[in-house]
PDB file of all heavy atoms in Angstrom:
ATOM      1  N   LEU A   1       6.574  24.261  24.240  1.00  0.00           N
ATOM      2  CA  LEU A   1       7.381  23.762  25.351  1.00  0.00           C
ATOM      3  C   LEU A   1       7.002  22.322  25.670  1.00  0.00           C
ATOM      4  O   LEU A   1       5.840  21.926  25.571  1.00  0.00           O
ATOM      5  CB  LEU A   1       7.172  24.621  26.599  1.00  0.00           C
ATOM      6  CG  LEU A   1       7.504  26.115  26.488  1.00  0.00           C
ATOM      7  CD1 LEU A   1       7.304  26.800  27.828  1.00  0.00           C
ATOM      8  CD2 LEU A   1       8.913  26.330  25.985  1.00  0.00           C
ATOM      9  N   THR A   2       7.995  21.546  26.096  1.00  0.00           N
ATOM     10  CA  THR A   2       7.737  20.186  26.549  1.00  0.00           C
ATOM     11  C   THR A   2       7.334  20.211  28.026  1.00  0.00           C
ATOM     12  O   THR A   2       7.539  21.195  28.734  1.00  0.00           O
ATOM     13  CB  THR A   2       8.981  19.309  26.383  1.00  0.00           C
ATOM     14  OG1 THR A   2      10.011  19.810  27.268  1.00  0.00           O
ATOM     15  CG2 THR A   2       9.497  19.335  24.948  1.00  0.00           C
ATOM     16  N   ARG A   3       6.758  19.111  28.480  1.00  0.00           N
ATOM     17  CA  ARG A   3       6.386  19.013  29.905  1.00  0.00           C
ATOM     18  C   ARG A   3       7.612  19.181  30.789  1.00  0.00           C
ATOM     19  O   ARG A   3       7.548  19.816  31.860  1.00  0.00           O
ATOM     20  CB  ARG A   3       5.704  17.664  30.171  1.00  0.00           C
ATOM     21  CG  ARG A   3       5.435  17.366  31.653  1.00  0.00           C
ATOM     22  CD  ARG A   3       4.464  18.355  32.267  1.00  0.00           C
ATOM     23  NE  ARG A   3       4.256  18.111  33.691  1.00  0.00           N
ATOM     24  CZ  ARG A   3       5.030  18.583  34.657  1.00  0.00           C
ATOM     25  NH1 ARG A   3       6.105  19.331  34.353  1.00  0.00           N
ATOM     26  NH2 ARG A   3       4.754  18.331  35.924  1.00  0.00           N
ATOM     27  N   GLU A   4       8.757  18.639  30.372  1.00  0.00           N
ATOM     28  CA  GLU A   4       9.975  18.726  31.170  1.00  0.00           C
ATOM     29  C   GLU A   4      10.415  20.171  31.370  1.00  0.00           C
ATOM     30  O   GLU A   4      11.021  20.508  32.403  1.00  0.00           O
ATOM     31  CB  GLU A   4      11.091  17.928  30.498  1.00  0.00           C
ATOM     32  CG  GLU A   4      12.432  17.940  31.217  1.00  0.00           C
ATOM     33  CD  GLU A   4      12.409  17.251  32.565  1.00  0.00           C
ATOM     34  OE1 GLU A   4      11.424  16.538  32.855  1.00  0.00           O
ATOM     35  OE2 GLU A   4      13.382  17.413  33.323  1.00  0.00           O
ATOM     36  N   ALA A   5      10.099  21.045  30.408  1.00  0.00           N
ATOM     37  CA  ALA A   5      10.487  22.449  30.540  1.00  0.00           C
ATOM     38  C   ALA A   5       9.876  23.073  31.785  1.00  0.00           C
ATOM     39  O   ALA A   5      10.539  23.828  32.515  1.00  0.00           O
ATOM     40  CB  ALA A   5      10.072  23.232  29.300  1.00  0.00           C
ATOM     41  N   PHE A   6       8.623  22.763  32.075  1.00  0.00           N
ATOM     42  CA  PHE A   6       7.971  23.353  33.242  1.00  0.00           C
ATOM     43  C   PHE A   6       8.577  22.823  34.545  1.00  0.00           C
ATOM     44  O   PHE A   6       8.721  23.570  35.516  1.00  0.00           O
ATOM     45  CB  PHE A   6       6.472  23.086  33.190  1.00  0.00           C
ATOM     46  CG  PHE A   6       5.783  23.822  32.075  1.00  0.00           C
ATOM     47  CD1 PHE A   6       5.423  23.168  30.918  1.00  0.00           C
ATOM     48  CD2 PHE A   6       5.514  25.178  32.178  1.00  0.00           C
ATOM     49  CE1 PHE A   6       4.798  23.846  29.872  1.00  0.00           C
ATOM     50  CE2 PHE A   6       4.898  25.866  31.139  1.00  0.00           C
ATOM     51  CZ  PHE A   6       4.540  25.195  29.986  1.00  0.00           C
ATOM     52  N   THR A   7       8.939  21.549  34.554  1.00  0.00           N
ATOM     53  CA  THR A   7       9.609  21.003  35.735  1.00  0.00           C
ATOM     54  C   THR A   7      10.930  21.728  35.988  1.00  0.00           C
ATOM     55  O   THR A   7      11.228  22.133  37.120  1.00  0.00           O
ATOM     56  CB  THR A   7       9.859  19.500  35.563  1.00  0.00           C
ATOM     57  OG1 THR A   7       8.602  18.822  35.497  1.00  0.00           O
ATOM     58  CG2 THR A   7      10.671  18.942  36.726  1.00  0.00           C
ATOM     59  N   LEU A   8      11.727  21.895  34.933  1.00  0.00           N
ATOM     60  CA  LEU A   8      13.022  22.560  35.089  1.00  0.00           C
ATOM     61  C   LEU A   8      12.859  24.020  35.490  1.00  0.00           C
ATOM     62  O   LEU A   8      13.604  24.534  36.343  1.00  0.00           O
ATOM     63  CB  LEU A   8      13.824  22.445  33.791  1.00  0.00           C
ATOM     64  CG  LEU A   8      14.272  21.029  33.415  1.00  0.00           C
ATOM     65  CD1 LEU A   8      14.964  21.029  32.049  1.00  0.00           C
ATOM     66  CD2 LEU A   8      15.207  20.457  34.478  1.00  0.00           C
ATOM     67  N   LEU A   9      11.900  24.708  34.885  1.00  0.00           N
ATOM     68  CA  LEU A   9      11.665  26.104  35.265  1.00  0.00           C
ATOM     69  C   LEU A   9      11.242  26.207  36.717  1.00  0.00           C
ATOM     70  O   LEU A   9      11.681  27.106  37.451  1.00  0.00           O
ATOM     71  CB  LEU A   9      10.599  26.719  34.352  1.00  0.00           C
ATOM     72  CG  LEU A   9      11.006  26.937  32.892  1.00  0.00           C
ATOM     73  CD1 LEU A   9       9.803  27.334  32.045  1.00  0.00           C
ATOM     74  CD2 LEU A   9      12.097  27.996  32.778  1.00  0.00           C
ATOM     75  N   GLY A  10      10.399  25.274  37.161  1.00  0.00           N
ATOM     76  CA  GLY A  10       9.982  25.281  38.555  1.00  0.00           C
ATOM     77  C   GLY A  10      11.130  25.007  39.503  1.00  0.00           C
ATOM     78  O   GLY A  10      11.208  25.585  40.595  1.00  0.00           O
ATOM     79  N   GLU A  11      12.043  24.129  39.107  1.00  0.00           N
ATOM     80  CA  GLU A  11      13.188  23.812  39.959  1.00  0.00           C
ATOM     81  C   GLU A  11      14.181  24.975  40.029  1.00  0.00           C
ATOM     82  O   GLU A  11      14.786  25.209  41.091  1.00  0.00           O
ATOM     83  CB  GLU A  11      13.902  22.573  39.422  1.00  0.00           C
ATOM     84  CG  GLU A  11      13.117  21.282  39.591  1.00  0.00           C
ATOM     85  CD  GLU A  11      13.781  20.090  38.908  1.00  0.00           C
ATOM     86  OE1 GLU A  11      14.814  20.289  38.220  1.00  0.00           O
ATOM     87  OE2 GLU A  11      13.275  18.973  39.053  1.00  0.00           O
ATOM     88  N   ARG A  12      14.346  25.693  38.919  1.00  0.00           N
ATOM     89  CA  ARG A  12      15.419  26.680  38.823  1.00  0.00           C
ATOM     90  C   ARG A  12      14.968  28.125  39.052  1.00  0.00           C
ATOM     91  O   ARG A  12      15.787  28.989  39.384  1.00  0.00           O
ATOM     92  CB  ARG A  12      16.075  26.587  37.446  1.00  0.00           C
ATOM     93  CG  ARG A  12      16.696  25.235  37.178  1.00  0.00           C
ATOM     94  CD  ARG A  12      17.184  25.092  35.758  1.00  0.00           C
ATOM     95  NE  ARG A  12      17.700  23.745  35.530  1.00  0.00           N
ATOM     96  CZ  ARG A  12      18.246  23.327  34.399  1.00  0.00           C
ATOM     97  NH1 ARG A  12      18.346  24.163  33.365  1.00  0.00           N
ATOM     98  NH2 ARG A  12      18.688  22.089  34.275  1.00  0.00           N
ATOM     99  N   MET A  13      13.666  28.395  38.851  1.00  0.00           N
ATOM    100  CA  MET A  13      13.219  29.787  38.833  1.00  0.00           C
ATOM    101  C   MET A  13      11.936  30.005  39.617  1.00  0.00           C
ATOM    102  O   MET A  13      11.219  30.979  39.378  1.00  0.00           O
ATOM    103  CB  MET A  13      12.996  30.246  37.384  1.00  0.00           C
ATOM    104  CG  MET A  13      14.180  30.127  36.471  1.00  0.00           C
ATOM    105  SD  MET A  13      13.838  30.774  34.817  1.00  0.00           S
ATOM    106  CE  MET A  13      13.589  32.531  35.127  1.00  0.00           C
ATOM    107  N   ALA A  14      11.630  29.135  40.555  1.00  0.00           N
ATOM    108  CA  ALA A  14      10.325  29.209  41.224  1.00  0.00           C
ATOM    109  C   ALA A  14      10.066  30.564  41.863  1.00  0.00           C
ATOM    110  O   ALA A  14       8.934  31.062  41.860  1.00  0.00           O
ATOM    111  CB  ALA A  14      10.207  28.099  42.272  1.00  0.00           C
ATOM    112  N   ASP A  15      11.108  31.188  42.404  1.00  0.00           N
ATOM    113  CA  ASP A  15      10.924  32.487  43.055  1.00  0.00           C
ATOM    114  C   ASP A  15      10.668  33.607  42.050  1.00  0.00           C
ATOM    115  O   ASP A  15      10.298  34.715  42.456  1.00  0.00           O
ATOM    116  CB  ASP A  15      12.147  32.832  43.906  1.00  0.00           C
ATOM    117  CG  ASP A  15      12.258  31.941  45.140  1.00  0.00           C
ATOM    118  OD1 ASP A  15      11.235  31.351  45.536  1.00  0.00           O
ATOM    119  OD2 ASP A  15      13.369  31.830  45.701  1.00  0.00           O
ATOM    120  N   ARG A  16      10.883  33.325  40.774  1.00  0.00           N
ATOM    121  CA  ARG A  16      10.638  34.338  39.742  1.00  0.00           C
ATOM    122  C   ARG A  16       9.401  33.997  38.912  1.00  0.00           C
ATOM    123  O   ARG A  16       9.168  34.599  37.870  1.00  0.00           O
ATOM    124  CB  ARG A  16      11.872  34.458  38.839  1.00  0.00           C
ATOM    125  CG  ARG A  16      13.157  34.720  39.618  1.00  0.00           C
ATOM    126  CD  ARG A  16      14.311  35.079  38.731  1.00  0.00           C
ATOM    127  NE  ARG A  16      14.177  36.431  38.230  1.00  0.00           N
ATOM    128  CZ  ARG A  16      15.053  37.013  37.410  1.00  0.00           C
ATOM    129  NH1 ARG A  16      16.114  36.345  37.007  1.00  0.00           N
ATOM    130  NH2 ARG A  16      14.871  38.239  36.990  1.00  0.00           N
ATOM    131  N   ILE A  17       8.636  33.038  39.390  1.00  0.00           N
ATOM    132  CA  ILE A  17       7.418  32.600  38.710  1.00  0.00           C
ATOM    133  C   ILE A  17       6.215  32.910  39.583  1.00  0.00           C
ATOM    134  O   ILE A  17       6.233  32.698  40.797  1.00  0.00           O
ATOM    135  CB  ILE A  17       7.485  31.087  38.408  1.00  0.00           C
ATOM    136  CG1 ILE A  17       8.525  30.813  37.313  1.00  0.00           C
ATOM    137  CG2 ILE A  17       6.119  30.547  37.983  1.00  0.00           C
ATOM    138  CD1 ILE A  17       8.792  29.341  37.070  1.00  0.00           C
ATOM    139  N   LEU A  18       5.165  33.420  38.970  1.00  0.00           N
ATOM    140  CA  LEU A  18       3.869  33.593  39.618  1.00  0.00           C
ATOM    141  C   LEU A  18       2.852  32.794  38.816  1.00  0.00           C
ATOM    142  O   LEU A  18       2.580  33.107  37.656  1.00  0.00           O
ATOM    143  CB  LEU A  18       3.465  35.059  39.679  1.00  0.00           C
ATOM    144  CG  LEU A  18       2.031  35.319  40.172  1.00  0.00           C
ATOM    145  CD1 LEU A  18       1.879  34.876  41.626  1.00  0.00           C
ATOM    146  CD2 LEU A  18       1.657  36.787  40.015  1.00  0.00           C
ATOM    147  N   LEU A  19       2.313  31.762  39.435  1.00  0.00           N
ATOM    148  CA  LEU A  19       1.298  30.926  38.813  1.00  0.00           C
ATOM    149  C   LEU A  19      -0.042  31.300  39.438  1.00  0.00           C
ATOM    150  O   LEU A  19      -0.251  31.114  40.644  1.00  0.00           O
ATOM    151  CB  LEU A  19       1.627  29.455  39.047  1.00  0.00           C
ATOM    152  CG  LEU A  19       0.898  28.396  38.235  1.00  0.00           C
ATOM    153  CD1 LEU A  19       1.050  28.643  36.732  1.00  0.00           C
ATOM    154  CD2 LEU A  19       1.412  27.005  38.593  1.00  0.00           C
ATOM    155  N   VAL A  20      -0.922  31.878  38.627  1.00  0.00           N
ATOM    156  CA  VAL A  20      -2.252  32.265  39.096  1.00  0.00           C
ATOM    157  C   VAL A  20      -3.219  31.171  38.662  1.00  0.00           C
ATOM    158  O   VAL A  20      -3.397  30.929  37.468  1.00  0.00           O
ATOM    159  CB  VAL A  20      -2.679  33.624  38.506  1.00  0.00           C
ATOM    160  CG1 VAL A  20      -4.072  34.008  39.006  1.00  0.00           C
ATOM    161  CG2 VAL A  20      -1.666  34.710  38.874  1.00  0.00           C
ATOM    162  N   MET A  21      -3.828  30.495  39.625  1.00  0.00           N
ATOM    163  CA  MET A  21      -4.679  29.355  39.312  1.00  0.00           C
ATOM    164  C   MET A  21      -6.065  29.524  39.913  1.00  0.00           C
ATOM    165  O   MET A  21      -6.227  30.059  41.021  1.00  0.00           O
ATOM    166  CB  MET A  21      -4.055  28.044  39.801  1.00  0.00           C
ATOM    167  CG  MET A  21      -2.683  27.763  39.199  1.00  0.00           C
ATOM    168  SD  MET A  21      -2.093  26.077  39.489  1.00  0.00           S
ATOM    169  CE  MET A  21      -2.943  25.218  38.177  1.00  0.00           C
ATOM    170  N   ALA A  22      -7.068  29.057  39.167  1.00  0.00           N
ATOM    171  CA  ALA A  22      -8.442  29.033  39.641  1.00  0.00           C
ATOM    172  C   ALA A  22      -8.793  27.610  40.032  1.00  0.00           C
ATOM    173  O   ALA A  22      -8.482  26.655  39.304  1.00  0.00           O
ATOM    174  CB  ALA A  22      -9.381  29.530  38.542  1.00  0.00           C
ATOM    175  N   PHE A  23      -9.438  27.461  41.189  1.00  0.00           N
ATOM    176  CA  PHE A  23      -9.802  26.152  41.720  1.00  0.00           C
ATOM    177  C   PHE A  23     -11.311  26.084  41.941  1.00  0.00           C
ATOM    178  O   PHE A  23     -11.947  27.083  42.327  1.00  0.00           O
ATOM    179  CB  PHE A  23      -9.108  25.906  43.065  1.00  0.00           C
ATOM    180  CG  PHE A  23      -7.626  25.744  42.986  1.00  0.00           C
ATOM    181  CD1 PHE A  23      -6.786  26.850  42.863  1.00  0.00           C
ATOM    182  CD2 PHE A  23      -7.047  24.484  43.055  1.00  0.00           C
ATOM    183  CE1 PHE A  23      -5.410  26.707  42.816  1.00  0.00           C
ATOM    184  CE2 PHE A  23      -5.664  24.328  43.010  1.00  0.00           C
ATOM    185  CZ  PHE A  23      -4.850  25.435  42.885  1.00  0.00           C
ATOM    186  N   ILE A  24     -11.856  24.911  41.723  1.00  0.00           N
ATOM    187  CA  ILE A  24     -13.179  24.568  42.228  1.00  0.00           C
ATOM    188  C   ILE A  24     -12.944  23.485  43.266  1.00  0.00           C
ATOM    189  O   ILE A  24     -12.527  22.371  42.934  1.00  0.00           O
ATOM    190  CB  ILE A  24     -14.108  24.084  41.112  1.00  0.00           C
ATOM    191  CG1 ILE A  24     -14.370  25.221  40.109  1.00  0.00           C
ATOM    192  CG2 ILE A  24     -15.429  23.580  41.692  1.00  0.00           C
ATOM    193  CD1 ILE A  24     -15.249  24.820  38.942  1.00  0.00           C
ATOM    194  N   GLY A  25     -13.165  23.828  44.518  1.00  0.00           N
ATOM    195  CA  GLY A  25     -12.717  22.943  45.588  1.00  0.00           C
ATOM    196  C   GLY A  25     -11.205  22.884  45.559  1.00  0.00           C
ATOM    197  O   GLY A  25     -10.525  23.909  45.588  1.00  0.00           O
ATOM    198  N   GLU A  26     -10.659  21.681  45.462  1.00  0.00           N
ATOM    199  CA  GLU A  26      -9.202  21.518  45.360  1.00  0.00           C
ATOM    200  C   GLU A  26      -8.777  21.149  43.944  1.00  0.00           C
ATOM    201  O   GLU A  26      -7.613  20.792  43.736  1.00  0.00           O
ATOM    202  CB  GLU A  26      -8.713  20.470  46.355  1.00  0.00           C
ATOM    203  CG  GLU A  26      -8.762  20.937  47.808  1.00  0.00           C
ATOM    204  CD  GLU A  26      -7.950  22.220  48.026  1.00  0.00           C
ATOM    205  OE1 GLU A  26      -6.781  22.285  47.584  1.00  0.00           O
ATOM    206  OE2 GLU A  26      -8.505  23.167  48.622  1.00  0.00           O
ATOM    207  N   MET A  27      -9.684  21.232  42.986  1.00  0.00           N
ATOM    208  CA  MET A  27      -9.352  20.881  41.617  1.00  0.00           C
ATOM    209  C   MET A  27      -9.011  22.140  40.817  1.00  0.00           C
ATOM    210  O   MET A  27      -9.843  23.035  40.668  1.00  0.00           O
ATOM    211  CB  MET A  27     -10.519  20.166  40.932  1.00  0.00           C
ATOM    212  CG  MET A  27     -10.182  19.730  39.503  1.00  0.00           C
ATOM    213  SD  MET A  27     -11.525  18.824  38.704  1.00  0.00           S
ATOM    214  CE  MET A  27     -12.660  20.180  38.351  1.00  0.00           C
ATOM    215  N   PRO A  28      -7.773  22.233  40.320  1.00  0.00           N
ATOM    216  CA  PRO A  28      -7.428  23.381  39.475  1.00  0.00           C
ATOM    217  C   PRO A  28      -8.133  23.280  38.128  1.00  0.00           C
ATOM    218  O   PRO A  28      -8.120  22.229  37.489  1.00  0.00           O
ATOM    219  CB  PRO A  28      -5.913  23.280  39.323  1.00  0.00           C
ATOM    220  CG  PRO A  28      -5.587  21.857  39.599  1.00  0.00           C
ATOM    221  CD  PRO A  28      -6.637  21.324  40.519  1.00  0.00           C
ATOM    222  N   VAL A  29      -8.747  24.393  37.701  1.00  0.00           N
ATOM    223  CA  VAL A  29      -9.513  24.379  36.456  1.00  0.00           C
ATOM    224  C   VAL A  29      -8.987  25.377  35.422  1.00  0.00           C
ATOM    225  O   VAL A  29      -9.387  25.326  34.258  1.00  0.00           O
ATOM    226  CB  VAL A  29     -11.000  24.652  36.726  1.00  0.00           C
ATOM    227  CG1 VAL A  29     -11.602  23.525  37.551  1.00  0.00           C
ATOM    228  CG2 VAL A  29     -11.204  25.999  37.430  1.00  0.00           C
ATOM    229  N   ALA A  30      -8.098  26.265  35.824  1.00  0.00           N
ATOM    230  CA  ALA A  30      -7.533  27.240  34.883  1.00  0.00           C
ATOM    231  C   ALA A  30      -6.289  27.850  35.514  1.00  0.00           C
ATOM    232  O   ALA A  30      -6.128  27.829  36.741  1.00  0.00           O
ATOM    233  CB  ALA A  30      -8.538  28.340  34.538  1.00  0.00           C
ATOM    234  N   GLY A  31      -5.417  28.374  34.678  1.00  0.00           N
ATOM    235  CA  GLY A  31      -4.206  28.977  35.215  1.00  0.00           C
ATOM    236  C   GLY A  31      -3.532  29.909  34.234  1.00  0.00           C
ATOM    237  O   GLY A  31      -3.726  29.792  33.014  1.00  0.00           O
ATOM    238  N   ALA A  32      -2.765  30.836  34.774  1.00  0.00           N
ATOM    239  CA  ALA A  32      -1.971  31.770  33.975  1.00  0.00           C
ATOM    240  C   ALA A  32      -0.563  31.808  34.550  1.00  0.00           C
ATOM    241  O   ALA A  32      -0.387  31.948  35.764  1.00  0.00           O
ATOM    242  CB  ALA A  32      -2.584  33.170  33.981  1.00  0.00           C
ATOM    243  N   LEU A  33       0.431  31.673  33.682  1.00  0.00           N
ATOM    244  CA  LEU A  33       1.830  31.642  34.088  1.00  0.00           C
ATOM    245  C   LEU A  33       2.472  33.002  33.828  1.00  0.00           C
ATOM    246  O   LEU A  33       2.406  33.530  32.719  1.00  0.00           O
ATOM    247  CB  LEU A  33       2.583  30.562  33.311  1.00  0.00           C
ATOM    248  CG  LEU A  33       4.098  30.467  33.529  1.00  0.00           C
ATOM    249  CD1 LEU A  33       4.409  30.109  34.978  1.00  0.00           C
ATOM    250  CD2 LEU A  33       4.704  29.435  32.586  1.00  0.00           C
ATOM    251  N   ASN A  34       3.080  33.563  34.873  1.00  0.00           N
ATOM    252  CA  ASN A  34       3.772  34.840  34.786  1.00  0.00           C
ATOM    253  C   ASN A  34       5.206  34.687  35.285  1.00  0.00           C
ATOM    254  O   ASN A  34       5.494  33.843  36.136  1.00  0.00           O
ATOM    255  CB  ASN A  34       3.080  35.898  35.660  1.00  0.00           C
ATOM    256  CG  ASN A  34       1.616  36.063  35.346  1.00  0.00           C
ATOM    257  OD1 ASN A  34       1.246  36.866  34.508  1.00  0.00           O
ATOM    258  ND2 ASN A  34       0.760  35.295  36.019  1.00  0.00           N
ATOM    259  N   PHE A  35       6.086  35.549  34.762  1.00  0.00           N
ATOM    260  CA  PHE A  35       7.458  35.630  35.252  1.00  0.00           C
ATOM    261  C   PHE A  35       7.673  37.016  35.855  1.00  0.00           C
ATOM    262  O   PHE A  35       7.189  38.020  35.313  1.00  0.00           O
ATOM    263  CB  PHE A  35       8.457  35.363  34.136  1.00  0.00           C
ATOM    264  CG  PHE A  35       8.534  33.916  33.738  1.00  0.00           C
ATOM    265  CD1 PHE A  35       7.590  33.371  32.886  1.00  0.00           C
ATOM    266  CD2 PHE A  35       9.536  33.096  34.233  1.00  0.00           C
ATOM    267  CE1 PHE A  35       7.637  32.033  32.525  1.00  0.00           C
ATOM    268  CE2 PHE A  35       9.598  31.754  33.885  1.00  0.00           C
ATOM    269  CZ  PHE A  35       8.645  31.221  33.025  1.00  0.00           C
ATOM    270  N   ILE A  36       8.410  37.051  36.961  1.00  0.00           N
ATOM    271  CA  ILE A  36       8.630  38.293  37.694  1.00  0.00           C
ATOM    272  C   ILE A  36      10.001  38.848  37.336  1.00  0.00           C
ATOM    273  O   ILE A  36      11.031  38.206  37.590  1.00  0.00           O
ATOM    274  CB  ILE A  36       8.537  38.047  39.209  1.00  0.00           C
ATOM    275  CG1 ILE A  36       7.190  37.410  39.574  1.00  0.00           C
ATOM    276  CG2 ILE A  36       8.745  39.352  39.977  1.00  0.00           C
ATOM    277  CD1 ILE A  36       7.141  36.850  40.986  1.00  0.00           C
ATOM    278  N   GLY A  37      10.020  40.030  36.740  1.00  0.00           N
ATOM    279  CA  GLY A  37      11.267  40.713  36.439  1.00  0.00           C
ATOM    280  C   GLY A  37      11.553  41.783  37.467  1.00  0.00           C
ATOM    281  O   GLY A  37      10.765  42.006  38.389  1.00  0.00           O
ATOM    282  N   PRO A  38      12.660  42.488  37.334  1.00  0.00           N
ATOM    283  CA  PRO A  38      13.000  43.522  38.308  1.00  0.00           C
ATOM    284  C   PRO A  38      12.056  44.716  38.278  1.00  0.00           C
ATOM    285  O   PRO A  38      11.889  45.401  39.284  1.00  0.00           O
ATOM    286  CB  PRO A  38      14.423  43.935  37.918  1.00  0.00           C
ATOM    287  CG  PRO A  38      14.570  43.513  36.495  1.00  0.00           C
ATOM    288  CD  PRO A  38      13.718  42.296  36.327  1.00  0.00           C
ATOM    289  N   ASP A  39      11.424  44.965  37.127  1.00  0.00           N
ATOM    290  CA  ASP A  39      10.502  46.095  37.039  1.00  0.00           C
ATOM    291  C   ASP A  39       9.202  45.763  36.318  1.00  0.00           C
ATOM    292  O   ASP A  39       8.370  46.646  36.110  1.00  0.00           O
ATOM    293  CB  ASP A  39      11.179  47.282  36.351  1.00  0.00           C
ATOM    294  CG  ASP A  39      11.671  46.951  34.944  1.00  0.00           C
ATOM    295  OD1 ASP A  39      11.516  45.784  34.514  1.00  0.00           O
ATOM    296  OD2 ASP A  39      12.208  47.850  34.274  1.00  0.00           O
ATOM    297  N   ALA A  40       9.001  44.509  35.930  1.00  0.00           N
ATOM    298  CA  ALA A  40       7.800  44.142  35.177  1.00  0.00           C
ATOM    299  C   ALA A  40       7.348  42.740  35.534  1.00  0.00           C
ATOM    300  O   ALA A  40       8.150  41.884  35.916  1.00  0.00           O
ATOM    301  CB  ALA A  40       8.065  44.236  33.677  1.00  0.00           C
ATOM    302  N   LEU A  41       6.048  42.522  35.388  1.00  0.00           N
ATOM    303  CA  LEU A  41       5.474  41.187  35.440  1.00  0.00           C
ATOM    304  C   LEU A  41       5.157  40.795  34.007  1.00  0.00           C
ATOM    305  O   LEU A  41       4.498  41.538  33.273  1.00  0.00           O
ATOM    306  CB  LEU A  41       4.196  41.185  36.283  1.00  0.00           C
ATOM    307  CG  LEU A  41       3.572  39.809  36.528  1.00  0.00           C
ATOM    308  CD1 LEU A  41       4.439  38.990  37.478  1.00  0.00           C
ATOM    309  CD2 LEU A  41       2.153  39.948  37.077  1.00  0.00           C
ATOM    310  N   TYR A  42       5.628  39.627  33.603  1.00  0.00           N
ATOM    311  CA  TYR A  42       5.465  39.178  32.225  1.00  0.00           C
ATOM    312  C   TYR A  42       4.466  38.023  32.169  1.00  0.00           C
ATOM    313  O   TYR A  42       4.726  36.941  32.697  1.00  0.00           O
ATOM    314  CB  TYR A  42       6.800  38.698  31.657  1.00  0.00           C
ATOM    315  CG  TYR A  42       7.890  39.740  31.650  1.00  0.00           C
ATOM    316  CD1 TYR A  42       8.805  39.824  32.701  1.00  0.00           C
ATOM    317  CD2 TYR A  42       8.024  40.639  30.594  1.00  0.00           C
ATOM    318  CE1 TYR A  42       9.824  40.769  32.696  1.00  0.00           C
ATOM    319  CE2 TYR A  42       9.038  41.585  30.576  1.00  0.00           C
ATOM    320  CZ  TYR A  42       9.922  41.653  31.637  1.00  0.00           C
ATOM    321  OH  TYR A  42      10.927  42.585  31.623  1.00  0.00           O
ATOM    322  N   GLY A  43       3.328  38.264  31.542  1.00  0.00           N
ATOM    323  CA  GLY A  43       2.358  37.201  31.344  1.00  0.00           C
ATOM    324  C   GLY A  43       2.741  36.357  30.148  1.00  0.00           C
ATOM    325  O   GLY A  43       3.033  36.891  29.075  1.00  0.00           O
ATOM    326  N   ARG A  44       2.750  35.010  30.337  1.00  0.00           N
ATOM    327  CA  ARG A  44       3.185  34.161  29.237  1.00  0.00           C
ATOM    328  C   ARG A  44       2.085  33.224  28.735  1.00  0.00           C
ATOM    329  O   ARG A  44       1.617  33.371  27.635  1.00  0.00           O
ATOM    330  CB  ARG A  44       4.428  33.350  29.653  1.00  0.00           C
ATOM    331  CG  ARG A  44       5.698  34.156  29.748  1.00  0.00           C
ATOM    332  CD  ARG A  44       6.002  34.939  28.461  1.00  0.00           C
ATOM    333  NE  ARG A  44       6.058  34.057  27.309  1.00  0.00           N
ATOM    334  CZ  ARG A  44       5.223  34.125  26.287  1.00  0.00           C
ATOM    335  NH1 ARG A  44       4.243  35.001  26.247  1.00  0.00           N
ATOM    336  NH2 ARG A  44       5.353  33.310  25.270  1.00  0.00           N
ATOM    337  N   TYR A  45       1.667  32.267  29.511  1.00  0.00           N
ATOM    338  CA  TYR A  45       0.736  31.265  29.003  1.00  0.00           C
ATOM    339  C   TYR A  45      -0.490  31.172  29.901  1.00  0.00           C
ATOM    340  O   TYR A  45      -0.443  31.444  31.097  1.00  0.00           O
ATOM    341  CB  TYR A  45       1.408  29.889  28.930  1.00  0.00           C
ATOM    342  CG  TYR A  45       2.639  29.873  28.055  1.00  0.00           C
ATOM    343  CD1 TYR A  45       3.907  29.695  28.615  1.00  0.00           C
ATOM    344  CD2 TYR A  45       2.549  30.048  26.673  1.00  0.00           C
ATOM    345  CE1 TYR A  45       5.041  29.686  27.815  1.00  0.00           C
ATOM    346  CE2 TYR A  45       3.678  30.044  25.874  1.00  0.00           C
ATOM    347  CZ  TYR A  45       4.911  29.864  26.448  1.00  0.00           C
ATOM    348  OH  TYR A  45       6.033  29.861  25.660  1.00  0.00           O
ATOM    349  N   TRP A  46      -1.583  30.719  29.290  1.00  0.00           N
ATOM    350  CA  TRP A  46      -2.831  30.551  30.017  1.00  0.00           C
ATOM    351  C   TRP A  46      -3.561  29.355  29.432  1.00  0.00           C
ATOM    352  O   TRP A  46      -3.332  28.964  28.281  1.00  0.00           O
ATOM    353  CB  TRP A  46      -3.686  31.814  29.900  1.00  0.00           C
ATOM    354  CG  TRP A  46      -5.075  31.573  29.376  1.00  0.00           C
ATOM    355  CD1 TRP A  46      -5.448  31.431  28.065  1.00  0.00           C
ATOM    356  CD2 TRP A  46      -6.272  31.395  30.145  1.00  0.00           C
ATOM    357  NE1 TRP A  46      -6.798  31.197  27.972  1.00  0.00           N
ATOM    358  CE2 TRP A  46      -7.329  31.167  29.245  1.00  0.00           C
ATOM    359  CE3 TRP A  46      -6.538  31.406  31.516  1.00  0.00           C
ATOM    360  CZ2 TRP A  46      -8.639  30.955  29.649  1.00  0.00           C
ATOM    361  CZ3 TRP A  46      -7.856  31.195  31.925  1.00  0.00           C
ATOM    362  CH2 TRP A  46      -8.878  30.980  31.009  1.00  0.00           C
ATOM    363  N   GLY A  47      -4.439  28.762  30.225  1.00  0.00           N
ATOM    364  CA  GLY A  47      -5.288  27.694  29.719  1.00  0.00           C
ATOM    365  C   GLY A  47      -6.336  27.325  30.748  1.00  0.00           C
ATOM    366  O   GLY A  47      -6.273  27.741  31.912  1.00  0.00           O
ATOM    367  N   ALA A  48      -7.320  26.535  30.327  1.00  0.00           N
ATOM    368  CA  ALA A  48      -8.423  26.153  31.207  1.00  0.00           C
ATOM    369  C   ALA A  48      -9.008  24.836  30.735  1.00  0.00           C
ATOM    370  O   ALA A  48      -8.874  24.464  29.567  1.00  0.00           O
ATOM    371  CB  ALA A  48      -9.496  27.239  31.229  1.00  0.00           C
TER     372      ALA A  48
END
């Protein structure tokens, strides 16, 4: 995915996205991207 893809997904589907992020203070150090379906949570990408 390109960087622009995440911007567009955030603009169009934010209510169907769950971003789980780990912070040290206010600095994000890791995250996992999930999508919310009608009956399932879909884990997609992670990084740190």
